[in-house]
Structures are given as C-alpha cells and as structure tokens.
PDB file of N, CA and C in Angstrom:
ATOM      1  N   MET A   1     -92.634 -43.460 106.181  1.00  0.00           N
ATOM      2  CA  MET A   1     -92.194 -42.551 107.222  1.00  0.00           C
ATOM      3  C   MET A   1     -93.210 -41.404 107.326  1.00  0.00           C
ATOM      4  N   PRO A   2     -93.774 -41.178 108.530  1.00  0.00           N
ATOM      5  CA  PRO A   2     -94.758 -40.113 108.674  1.00  0.00           C
ATOM      6  C   PRO A   2     -94.116 -38.728 108.546  1.00  0.00           C
ATOM      7  N   GLU A   3     -94.915 -37.789 108.075  1.00  0.00           N
ATOM      8  CA  GLU A   3     -94.416 -36.429 107.901  1.00  0.00           C
ATOM      9  C   GLU A   3     -94.253 -35.756 109.261  1.00  0.00           C
ATOM     10  N   ASP A   4     -93.162 -35.029 109.425  1.00  0.00           N
ATOM     11  CA  ASP A   4     -92.885 -34.298 110.658  1.00  0.00           C
ATOM     12  C   ASP A   4     -93.069 -32.810 110.372  1.00  0.00           C
ATOM     13  N   ASN A   5     -94.236 -32.280 110.698  1.00  0.00           N
ATOM     14  CA  ASN A   5     -94.554 -30.891 110.396  1.00  0.00           C
ATOM     15  C   ASN A   5     -93.848 -29.884 111.300  1.00  0.00           C
ATOM     16  N   VAL A   6     -93.173 -30.349 112.335  1.00  0.00           N
ATOM     17  CA  VAL A   6     -92.479 -29.444 113.238  1.00  0.00           C
ATOM     18  C   VAL A   6     -91.007 -29.321 112.852  1.00  0.00           C
ATOM     19  N   ASP A   7     -90.309 -30.433 112.842  1.00  0.00           N
ATOM     20  CA  ASP A   7     -88.865 -30.398 112.591  1.00  0.00           C
ATOM     21  C   ASP A   7     -88.492 -30.489 111.118  1.00  0.00           C
ATOM     22  N   LEU A   8     -89.348 -31.079 110.329  1.00  0.00           N
ATOM     23  CA  LEU A   8     -89.009 -31.263 108.922  1.00  0.00           C
ATOM     24  C   LEU A   8     -90.265 -31.276 108.047  1.00  0.00           C
ATOM     25  N   PRO A   9     -90.912 -30.120 107.920  1.00  0.00           N
ATOM     26  CA  PRO A   9     -92.096 -30.086 107.058  1.00  0.00           C
ATOM     27  C   PRO A   9     -91.725 -30.348 105.599  1.00  0.00           C
ATOM     28  N   ARG A  10     -92.613 -31.006 104.886  1.00  0.00           N
ATOM     29  CA  ARG A  10     -92.364 -31.381 103.499  1.00  0.00           C
ATOM     30  C   ARG A  10     -92.003 -30.180 102.621  1.00  0.00           C
ATOM     31  N   CYS A  11     -92.597 -29.028 102.908  1.00  0.00           N
ATOM     32  CA  CYS A  11     -92.335 -27.848 102.084  1.00  0.00           C
ATOM     33  C   CYS A  11     -90.913 -27.319 102.259  1.00  0.00           C
ATOM     34  N   TYR A  12     -90.167 -27.814 103.241  1.00  0.00           N
ATOM     35  CA  TYR A  12     -88.792 -27.365 103.451  1.00  0.00           C
ATOM     36  C   TYR A  12     -87.764 -28.385 102.963  1.00  0.00           C
ATOM     37  N   ILE A  13     -88.194 -29.347 102.163  1.00  0.00           N
ATOM     38  CA  ILE A  13     -87.273 -30.330 101.604  1.00  0.00           C
ATOM     39  C   ILE A  13     -87.246 -30.144 100.097  1.00  0.00           C
ATOM     40  N   LEU A  14     -86.056 -29.997  99.560  1.00  0.00           N
ATOM     41  CA  LEU A  14     -85.910 -29.864  98.114  1.00  0.00           C
ATOM     42  C   LEU A  14     -86.105 -31.223  97.468  1.00  0.00           C
ATOM     43  N   GLU A  15     -86.301 -31.246  96.180  1.00  0.00           N
ATOM     44  CA  GLU A  15     -86.570 -32.500  95.471  1.00  0.00           C
ATOM     45  C   GLU A  15     -85.451 -33.516  95.630  1.00  0.00           C
ATOM     46  N   ALA A  16     -84.235 -33.072  95.843  1.00  0.00           N
ATOM     47  CA  ALA A  16     -83.099 -33.977  95.993  1.00  0.00           C
ATOM     48  C   ALA A  16     -82.939 -34.424  97.441  1.00  0.00           C
ATOM     49  N   ASP A  17     -83.990 -34.307  98.252  1.00  0.00           N
ATOM     50  CA  ASP A  17     -83.982 -34.656  99.675  1.00  0.00           C
ATOM     51  C   ASP A  17     -82.982 -33.841 100.475  1.00  0.00           C
ATOM     52  N   LEU A  18     -82.707 -32.636 100.024  1.00  0.00           N
ATOM     53  CA  LEU A  18     -81.872 -31.711 100.784  1.00  0.00           C
ATOM     54  C   LEU A  18     -82.773 -30.837 101.632  1.00  0.00           C
ATOM     55  N   LYS A  19     -82.380 -30.607 102.861  1.00  0.00           N
ATOM     56  CA  LYS A  19     -83.129 -29.691 103.711  1.00  0.00           C
ATOM     57  C   LYS A  19     -82.712 -28.268 103.375  1.00  0.00           C
ATOM     58  N   TYR A  20     -83.681 -27.360 103.359  1.00  0.00           N
ATOM     59  CA  TYR A  20     -83.377 -25.953 103.103  1.00  0.00           C
ATOM     60  C   TYR A  20     -82.287 -25.456 104.044  1.00  0.00           C
ATOM     61  N   VAL A  21     -82.421 -25.806 105.317  1.00  0.00           N
ATOM     62  CA  VAL A  21     -81.482 -25.299 106.318  1.00  0.00           C
ATOM     63  C   VAL A  21     -80.053 -25.737 106.004  1.00  0.00           C
ATOM     64  N   ASP A  22     -79.877 -26.954 105.485  1.00  0.00           N
ATOM     65  CA  ASP A  22     -78.538 -27.430 105.136  1.00  0.00           C
ATOM     66  C   ASP A  22     -77.971 -26.673 103.946  1.00  0.00           C
ATOM     67  N   VAL A  23     -78.807 -26.404 102.969  1.00  0.00           N
ATOM     68  CA  VAL A  23     -78.385 -25.632 101.793  1.00  0.00           C
ATOM     69  C   VAL A  23     -77.978 -24.228 102.232  1.00  0.00           C
ATOM     70  N   ILE A  24     -78.802 -23.603 103.061  1.00  0.00           N
ATOM     71  CA  ILE A  24     -78.520 -22.245 103.529  1.00  0.00           C
ATOM     72  C   ILE A  24     -77.226 -22.204 104.329  1.00  0.00           C
ATOM     73  N   LYS A  25     -77.024 -23.176 105.209  1.00  0.00           N
ATOM     74  CA  LYS A  25     -75.794 -23.209 106.014  1.00  0.00           C
ATOM     75  C   LYS A  25     -74.550 -23.244 105.131  1.00  0.00           C
ATOM     76  N   VAL A  26     -74.585 -24.044 104.088  1.00  0.00           N
ATOM     77  CA  VAL A  26     -73.438 -24.130 103.180  1.00  0.00           C
ATOM     78  C   VAL A  26     -73.221 -22.806 102.459  1.00  0.00           C
ATOM     79  N   LEU A  27     -74.296 -22.197 101.982  1.00  0.00           N
ATOM     80  CA  LEU A  27     -74.176 -20.985 101.184  1.00  0.00           C
ATOM     81  C   LEU A  27     -73.778 -19.747 101.979  1.00  0.00           C
ATOM     82  N   VAL A  28     -74.014 -19.746 103.284  1.00  0.00           N
ATOM     83  CA  VAL A  28     -73.630 -18.577 104.096  1.00  0.00           C
ATOM     84  C   VAL A  28     -72.441 -18.859 105.003  1.00  0.00           C
ATOM     85  N   SER A  29     -71.812 -20.003 104.834  1.00  0.00           N
ATOM     86  CA  SER A  29     -70.746 -20.412 105.753  1.00  0.00           C
ATOM     87  C   SER A  29     -69.560 -19.450 105.793  1.00  0.00           C
ATOM     88  N   ASP A  30     -69.338 -18.694 104.739  1.00  0.00           N
ATOM     89  CA  ASP A  30     -68.199 -17.764 104.726  1.00  0.00           C
ATOM     90  C   ASP A  30     -68.613 -16.331 105.063  1.00  0.00           C
ATOM     91  N   LEU A  31     -69.857 -16.133 105.486  1.00  0.00           N
ATOM     92  CA  LEU A  31     -70.354 -14.798 105.814  1.00  0.00           C
ATOM     93  C   LEU A  31     -70.470 -14.643 107.328  1.00  0.00           C
ATOM     94  N   LYS A  32     -70.537 -13.404 107.771  1.00  0.00           N
ATOM     95  CA  LYS A  32     -70.661 -13.113 109.201  1.00  0.00           C
ATOM     96  C   LYS A  32     -71.684 -12.001 109.421  1.00  0.00           C
ATOM     97  N   GLY A  33     -72.221 -11.944 110.610  1.00  0.00           N
ATOM     98  CA  GLY A  33     -73.074 -10.847 111.024  1.00  0.00           C
ATOM     99  C   GLY A  33     -74.284 -10.631 110.138  1.00  0.00           C
ATOM    100  N   TYR A  34     -74.545  -9.358 109.828  1.00  0.00           N
ATOM    101  CA  TYR A  34     -75.731  -9.022 109.050  1.00  0.00           C
ATOM    102  C   TYR A  34     -75.707  -9.627 107.654  1.00  0.00           C
ATOM    103  N   GLU A  35     -74.537  -9.730 107.046  1.00  0.00           N
ATOM    104  CA  GLU A  35     -74.454 -10.344 105.714  1.00  0.00           C
ATOM    105  C   GLU A  35     -74.960 -11.785 105.761  1.00  0.00           C
ATOM    106  N   GLU A  36     -74.549 -12.531 106.771  1.00  0.00           N
ATOM    107  CA  GLU A  36     -75.000 -13.919 106.923  1.00  0.00           C
ATOM    108  C   GLU A  36     -76.512 -13.980 107.117  1.00  0.00           C
ATOM    109  N   TYR A  37     -77.023 -13.116 107.989  1.00  0.00           N
ATOM    110  CA  TYR A  37     -78.450 -13.069 108.278  1.00  0.00           C
ATOM    111  C   TYR A  37     -79.270 -12.727 107.027  1.00  0.00           C
ATOM    112  N   ALA A  38     -78.856 -11.670 106.333  1.00  0.00           N
ATOM    113  CA  ALA A  38     -79.611 -11.216 105.162  1.00  0.00           C
ATOM    114  C   ALA A  38     -79.586 -12.250 104.043  1.00  0.00           C
ATOM    115  N   VAL A  39     -78.417 -12.788 103.736  1.00  0.00           N
ATOM    116  CA  VAL A  39     -78.300 -13.774 102.651  1.00  0.00           C
ATOM    117  C   VAL A  39     -79.083 -15.034 102.998  1.00  0.00           C
ATOM    118  N   ALA A  40     -79.034 -15.463 104.241  1.00  0.00           N
ATOM    119  CA  ALA A  40     -79.810 -16.637 104.659  1.00  0.00           C
ATOM    120  C   ALA A  40     -81.308 -16.400 104.437  1.00  0.00           C
ATOM    121  N   ASN A  41     -81.783 -15.216 104.761  1.00  0.00           N
ATOM    122  CA  ASN A  41     -83.199 -14.906 104.556  1.00  0.00           C
ATOM    123  C   ASN A  41     -83.545 -14.773 103.081  1.00  0.00           C
ATOM    124  N   ILE A  42     -82.643 -14.216 102.286  1.00  0.00           N
ATOM    125  CA  ILE A  42     -82.867 -14.128 100.836  1.00  0.00           C
ATOM    126  C   ILE A  42     -83.036 -15.533 100.263  1.00  0.00           C
ATOM    127  N   ILE A  43     -82.106 -16.408 100.589  1.00  0.00           N
ATOM    128  CA  ILE A  43     -82.155 -17.787 100.082  1.00  0.00           C
ATOM    129  C   ILE A  43     -83.409 -18.494 100.581  1.00  0.00           C
ATOM    130  N   HIS A  44     -83.705 -18.335 101.856  1.00  0.00           N
ATOM    131  CA  HIS A  44     -84.883 -18.965 102.463  1.00  0.00           C
ATOM    132  C   HIS A  44     -86.163 -18.599 101.704  1.00  0.00           C
ATOM    133  N   HIS A  45     -86.355 -17.320 101.449  1.00  0.00           N
ATOM    134  CA  HIS A  45     -87.586 -16.882 100.787  1.00  0.00           C
ATOM    135  C   HIS A  45     -87.617 -17.279  99.314  1.00  0.00           C
ATOM    136  N   ILE A  46     -86.484 -17.284  98.659  1.00  0.00           N
ATOM    137  CA  ILE A  46     -86.447 -17.700  97.255  1.00  0.00           C
ATOM    138  C   ILE A  46     -86.701 -19.196  97.125  1.00  0.00           C
ATOM    139  N   LEU A  47     -86.134 -19.994  98.021  1.00  0.00           N
ATOM    140  CA  LEU A  47     -86.343 -21.440  97.952  1.00  0.00           C
ATOM    141  C   LEU A  47     -87.798 -21.836  98.185  1.00  0.00           C
ATOM    142  N   ARG A  48     -88.483 -21.110  99.027  1.00  0.00           N
ATOM    143  CA  ARG A  48     -89.833 -21.536  99.400  1.00  0.00           C
ATOM    144  C   ARG A  48     -90.961 -20.819  98.675  1.00  0.00           C
ATOM    145  N   TRP A  49     -90.676 -19.826  97.861  1.00  0.00           N
ATOM    146  CA  TRP A  49     -91.732 -18.969  97.310  1.00  0.00           C
ATOM    147  C   TRP A  49     -92.810 -19.755  96.581  1.00  0.00           C
ATOM    148  N   LYS A  50     -92.434 -20.735  95.812  1.00  0.00           N
ATOM    149  CA  LYS A  50     -93.416 -21.460  94.998  1.00  0.00           C
ATOM    150  C   LYS A  50     -94.305 -22.366  95.852  1.00  0.00           C
ATOM    151  N   ARG A  51     -93.756 -22.912  96.930  1.00  0.00           N
ATOM    152  CA  ARG A  51     -94.496 -23.857  97.771  1.00  0.00           C
ATOM    153  C   ARG A  51     -95.221 -23.197  98.936  1.00  0.00           C
ATOM    154  N   GLU A  52     -94.829 -22.008  99.299  1.00  0.00           N
ATOM    155  CA  GLU A  52     -95.381 -21.386 100.503  1.00  0.00           C
ATOM    156  C   GLU A  52     -96.218 -20.152 100.197  1.00  0.00           C
ATOM    157  N   ASN A  53     -95.586 -18.988 100.169  1.00  0.00           N
ATOM    158  CA  ASN A  53     -96.330 -17.736 100.133  1.00  0.00           C
ATOM    159  C   ASN A  53     -96.245 -16.980  98.813  1.00  0.00           C
ATOM    160  N   GLY A  54     -95.751 -17.619  97.771  1.00  0.00           N
ATOM    161  CA  GLY A  54     -95.744 -17.009  96.448  1.00  0.00           C
ATOM    162  C   GLY A  54     -95.038 -15.667  96.386  1.00  0.00           C
ATOM    163  N   ILE A  55     -95.717 -14.703  95.799  1.00  0.00           N
ATOM    164  CA  ILE A  55     -95.147 -13.374  95.576  1.00  0.00           C
ATOM    165  C   ILE A  55     -94.706 -12.728  96.894  1.00  0.00           C
ATOM    166  N   GLU A  56     -95.423 -12.989  97.968  1.00  0.00           N
ATOM    167  CA  GLU A  56     -95.037 -12.418  99.268  1.00  0.00           C
ATOM    168  C   GLU A  56     -93.600 -12.802  99.635  1.00  0.00           C
ATOM    169  N   ASP A  57     -93.225 -14.064  99.400  1.00  0.00           N
ATOM    170  CA  ASP A  57     -91.854 -14.486  99.679  1.00  0.00           C
ATOM    171  C   ASP A  57     -90.854 -13.793  98.760  1.00  0.00           C
ATOM    172  N   LEU A  58     -91.210 -13.592  97.503  1.00  0.00           N
ATOM    173  CA  LEU A  58     -90.312 -12.882  96.583  1.00  0.00           C
ATOM    174  C   LEU A  58     -90.147 -11.427  96.997  1.00  0.00           C
ATOM    175  N   ILE A  59     -91.210 -10.817  97.484  1.00  0.00           N
ATOM    176  CA  ILE A  59     -91.128  -9.434  97.966  1.00  0.00           C
ATOM    177  C   ILE A  59     -90.225  -9.367  99.194  1.00  0.00           C
ATOM    178  N   LYS A  60     -90.361 -10.333 100.088  1.00  0.00           N
ATOM    179  CA  LYS A  60     -89.497 -10.359 101.273  1.00  0.00           C
ATOM    180  C   LYS A  60     -88.037 -10.546 100.868  1.00  0.00           C
ATOM    181  N   ALA A  61     -87.784 -11.442  99.918  1.00  0.00           N
ATOM    182  CA  ALA A  61     -86.414 -11.638  99.434  1.00  0.00           C
ATOM    183  C   ALA A  61     -85.873 -10.340  98.852  1.00  0.00           C
ATOM    184  N   ASP A  62     -86.703  -9.649  98.085  1.00  0.00           N
ATOM    185  CA  ASP A  62     -86.305  -8.375  97.486  1.00  0.00           C
ATOM    186  C   ASP A  62     -85.980  -7.343  98.565  1.00  0.00           C
ATOM    187  N   GLN A  63     -86.760  -7.309  99.615  1.00  0.00           N
ATOM    188  CA  GLN A  63     -86.496  -6.369 100.711  1.00  0.00           C
ATOM    189  C   GLN A  63     -85.149  -6.672 101.366  1.00  0.00           C
ATOM    190  N   TYR A  64     -84.874  -7.954 101.599  1.00  0.00           N
ATOM    191  CA  TYR A  64     -83.577  -8.321 102.179  1.00  0.00           C
ATOM    192  C   TYR A  64     -82.431  -7.983 101.223  1.00  0.00           C
ATOM    193  N   ILE A  65     -82.640  -8.170  99.933  1.00  0.00           N
ATOM    194  CA  ILE A  65     -81.609  -7.822  98.952  1.00  0.00           C
ATOM    195  C   ILE A  65     -81.328  -6.318  99.000  1.00  0.00           C
ATOM    196  N   ASN A  66     -82.378  -5.519  98.989  1.00  0.00           N
ATOM    197  CA  ASN A  66     -82.200  -4.068  99.048  1.00  0.00           C
ATOM    198  C   ASN A  66     -81.557  -3.623 100.352  1.00  0.00           C
ATOM    199  N   ASP A  67     -81.959  -4.228 101.469  1.00  0.00           N
ATOM    200  CA  ASP A  67     -81.344  -3.900 102.751  1.00  0.00           C
ATOM    201  C   ASP A  67     -79.862  -4.258 102.757  1.00  0.00           C
ATOM    202  N   LEU A  68     -79.533  -5.414 102.190  1.00  0.00           N
ATOM    203  CA  LEU A  68     -78.139  -5.841 102.127  1.00  0.00           C
ATOM    204  C   LEU A  68     -77.319  -4.889 101.256  1.00  0.00           C
ATOM    205  N   ILE A  69     -77.863  -4.497 100.123  1.00  0.00           N
ATOM    206  CA  ILE A  69     -77.164  -3.543  99.252  1.00  0.00           C
ATOM    207  C   ILE A  69     -76.918  -2.238  99.996  1.00  0.00           C
ATOM    208  N   ASN A  70     -77.937  -1.715 100.663  1.00  0.00           N
ATOM    209  CA  ASN A  70     -77.777  -0.471 101.421  1.00  0.00           C
ATOM    210  C   ASN A  70     -76.741  -0.631 102.528  1.00  0.00           C
ATOM    211  N   TYR A  71     -76.765  -1.751 103.204  1.00  0.00           N
ATOM    212  CA  TYR A  71     -75.787  -2.038 104.256  1.00  0.00           C
ATOM    213  C   TYR A  71     -74.363  -2.040 103.685  1.00  0.00           C
ATOM    214  N   LEU A  72     -74.187  -2.725 102.566  1.00  0.00           N
ATOM    215  CA  LEU A  72     -72.854  -2.815 101.953  1.00  0.00           C
ATOM    216  C   LEU A  72     -72.395  -1.468 101.409  1.00  0.00           C
ATOM    217  N   VAL A  73     -73.308  -0.715 100.813  1.00  0.00           N
ATOM    218  CA  VAL A  73     -72.956   0.619 100.307  1.00  0.00           C
ATOM    219  C   VAL A  73     -72.528   1.502 101.476  1.00  0.00           C
ATOM    220  N   ASN A  74     -73.256   1.411 102.565  1.00  0.00           N
ATOM    221  CA  ASN A  74     -72.946   2.213 103.742  1.00  0.00           C
ATOM    222  C   ASN A  74     -71.568   1.853 104.297  1.00  0.00           C
ATOM    223  N   ILE A  75     -71.274   0.575 104.402  1.00  0.00           N
ATOM    224  CA  ILE A  75     -69.954   0.134 104.883  1.00  0.00           C
ATOM    225  C   ILE A  75     -68.871   0.596 103.924  1.00  0.00           C
ATOM    226  N   ASP A  76     -69.110   0.413 102.634  1.00  0.00           N
ATOM    227  CA  ASP A  76     -68.098   0.765 101.648  1.00  0.00           C
ATOM    228  C   ASP A  76     -67.865   2.268 101.600  1.00  0.00           C
ATOM    229  N   SER A  77     -68.915   3.060 101.788  1.00  0.00           N
ATOM    230  CA  SER A  77     -68.736   4.514 101.759  1.00  0.00           C
ATOM    231  C   SER A  77     -67.909   4.973 102.956  1.00  0.00           C
ATOM    232  N   LYS A  78     -67.996   4.246 104.061  1.00  0.00           N
ATOM    233  CA  LYS A  78     -67.162   4.565 105.225  1.00  0.00           C
ATOM    234  C   LYS A  78     -65.697   4.266 104.936  1.00  0.00           C
ATOM    235  N   ASN A  79     -65.457   3.295 104.061  1.00  0.00           N
ATOM    236  CA  ASN A  79     -64.088   2.945 103.667  1.00  0.00           C
ATOM    237  C   ASN A  79     -63.637   3.749 102.457  1.00  0.00           C
ATOM    238  N   ASP A  80     -64.517   4.633 101.962  1.00  0.00           N
ATOM    239  CA  ASP A  80     -64.241   5.513 100.829  1.00  0.00           C
ATOM    240  C   ASP A  80     -63.893   4.736  99.549  1.00  0.00           C
ATOM    241  N   ASN A  81     -64.615   3.649  99.324  1.00  0.00           N
ATOM    242  CA  ASN A  81     -64.471   2.865  98.093  1.00  0.00           C
ATOM    243  C   ASN A  81     -65.808   2.870  97.370  1.00  0.00           C
ATOM    244  N   ARG A  82     -66.224   4.014  96.869  1.00  0.00           N
ATOM    245  CA  ARG A  82     -67.572   4.181  96.320  1.00  0.00           C
ATOM    246  C   ARG A  82     -67.689   3.897  94.834  1.00  0.00           C
ATOM    247  N   GLU A  83     -66.611   3.695  94.128  1.00  0.00           N
ATOM    248  CA  GLU A  83     -66.655   3.556  92.669  1.00  0.00           C
ATOM    249  C   GLU A  83     -67.594   2.453  92.211  1.00  0.00           C
ATOM    250  N   ILE A  84     -67.518   1.298  92.814  1.00  0.00           N
ATOM    251  CA  ILE A  84     -68.316   0.152  92.377  1.00  0.00           C
ATOM    252  C   ILE A  84     -69.814   0.410  92.541  1.00  0.00           C
ATOM    253  N   PHE A  85     -70.200   1.254  93.494  1.00  0.00           N
ATOM    254  CA  PHE A  85     -71.605   1.476  93.774  1.00  0.00           C
ATOM    255  C   PHE A  85     -72.200   2.630  92.985  1.00  0.00           C
ATOM    256  N   THR A  86     -71.391   3.381  92.306  1.00  0.00           N
ATOM    257  CA  THR A  86     -71.883   4.520  91.537  1.00  0.00           C
ATOM    258  C   THR A  86     -72.855   4.062  90.452  1.00  0.00           C
ATOM    259  N   VAL A  87     -72.512   3.013  89.749  1.00  0.00           N
ATOM    260  CA  VAL A  87     -73.361   2.494  88.681  1.00  0.00           C
ATOM    261  C   VAL A  87     -74.695   2.028  89.252  1.00  0.00           C
ATOM    262  N   TYR A  88     -74.677   1.324  90.354  1.00  0.00           N
ATOM    263  CA  TYR A  88     -75.906   0.821  90.981  1.00  0.00           C
ATOM    264  C   TYR A  88     -76.814   1.982  91.380  1.00  0.00           C
ATOM    265  N   ASN A  89     -76.255   2.979  92.016  1.00  0.00           N
ATOM    266  CA  ASN A  89     -77.047   4.087  92.522  1.00  0.00           C
ATOM    267  C   ASN A  89     -77.592   4.980  91.416  1.00  0.00           C
ATOM    268  N   GLU A  90     -76.968   4.996  90.245  1.00  0.00           N
ATOM    269  CA  GLU A  90     -77.422   5.837  89.156  1.00  0.00           C
ATOM    270  C   GLU A  90     -78.563   5.213  88.358  1.00  0.00           C
ATOM    271  N   GLU A  91     -78.767   3.921  88.487  1.00  0.00           N
ATOM    272  CA  GLU A  91     -79.823   3.237  87.718  1.00  0.00           C
ATOM    273  C   GLU A  91     -81.190   3.606  88.196  1.00  0.00           C
TER     274      GLU A  91
END
C-alpha cells in the first residue's frame, strides 16, 4: 500500500496502526470548547515530538498546558473555588 502523505502520513500513525486523530478524538470526547482544543493540541504535540519536531513540539505542548492551567484557574477564580490552585500558584 503506497504512503499517503496528505491524508495519512506515516508519522501520524502509532505503532499499533492507530491514527493520532482517532486517539485524540477518544481522549477529548468528554471535553468542550477551549479545554477540548487545548488538550487535543497537548496530545498532538506529545504524540509526534519524537518523529517530527523534537523539543519544539514539547515546548508547544508545554505552552498549551500552561494556557489551559491559566484558563482553568481563571474560570475557577470566577466561581470562587481557589483552594485547589493555591498550591500550584505557590510553587
């Protein structure tokens, strides 16, 4: 079977013949909005870092993680449930 570099590049298939997109869809299926977007990008960059852009992908994943944390802290502070985030912010 010839390689399809547009719809299914080899670097986006896990060793178990799972497509990255299918794995991501399952892992974010219970999320909505920005949480879904951020987690999908975190997973995407972590899955591909070794085969694609190395440290650059890990840095991008880290940026999405930090953005997601800030987003969640901001939402939670609006709901006045800050206790759980105190430890994170003090580190």
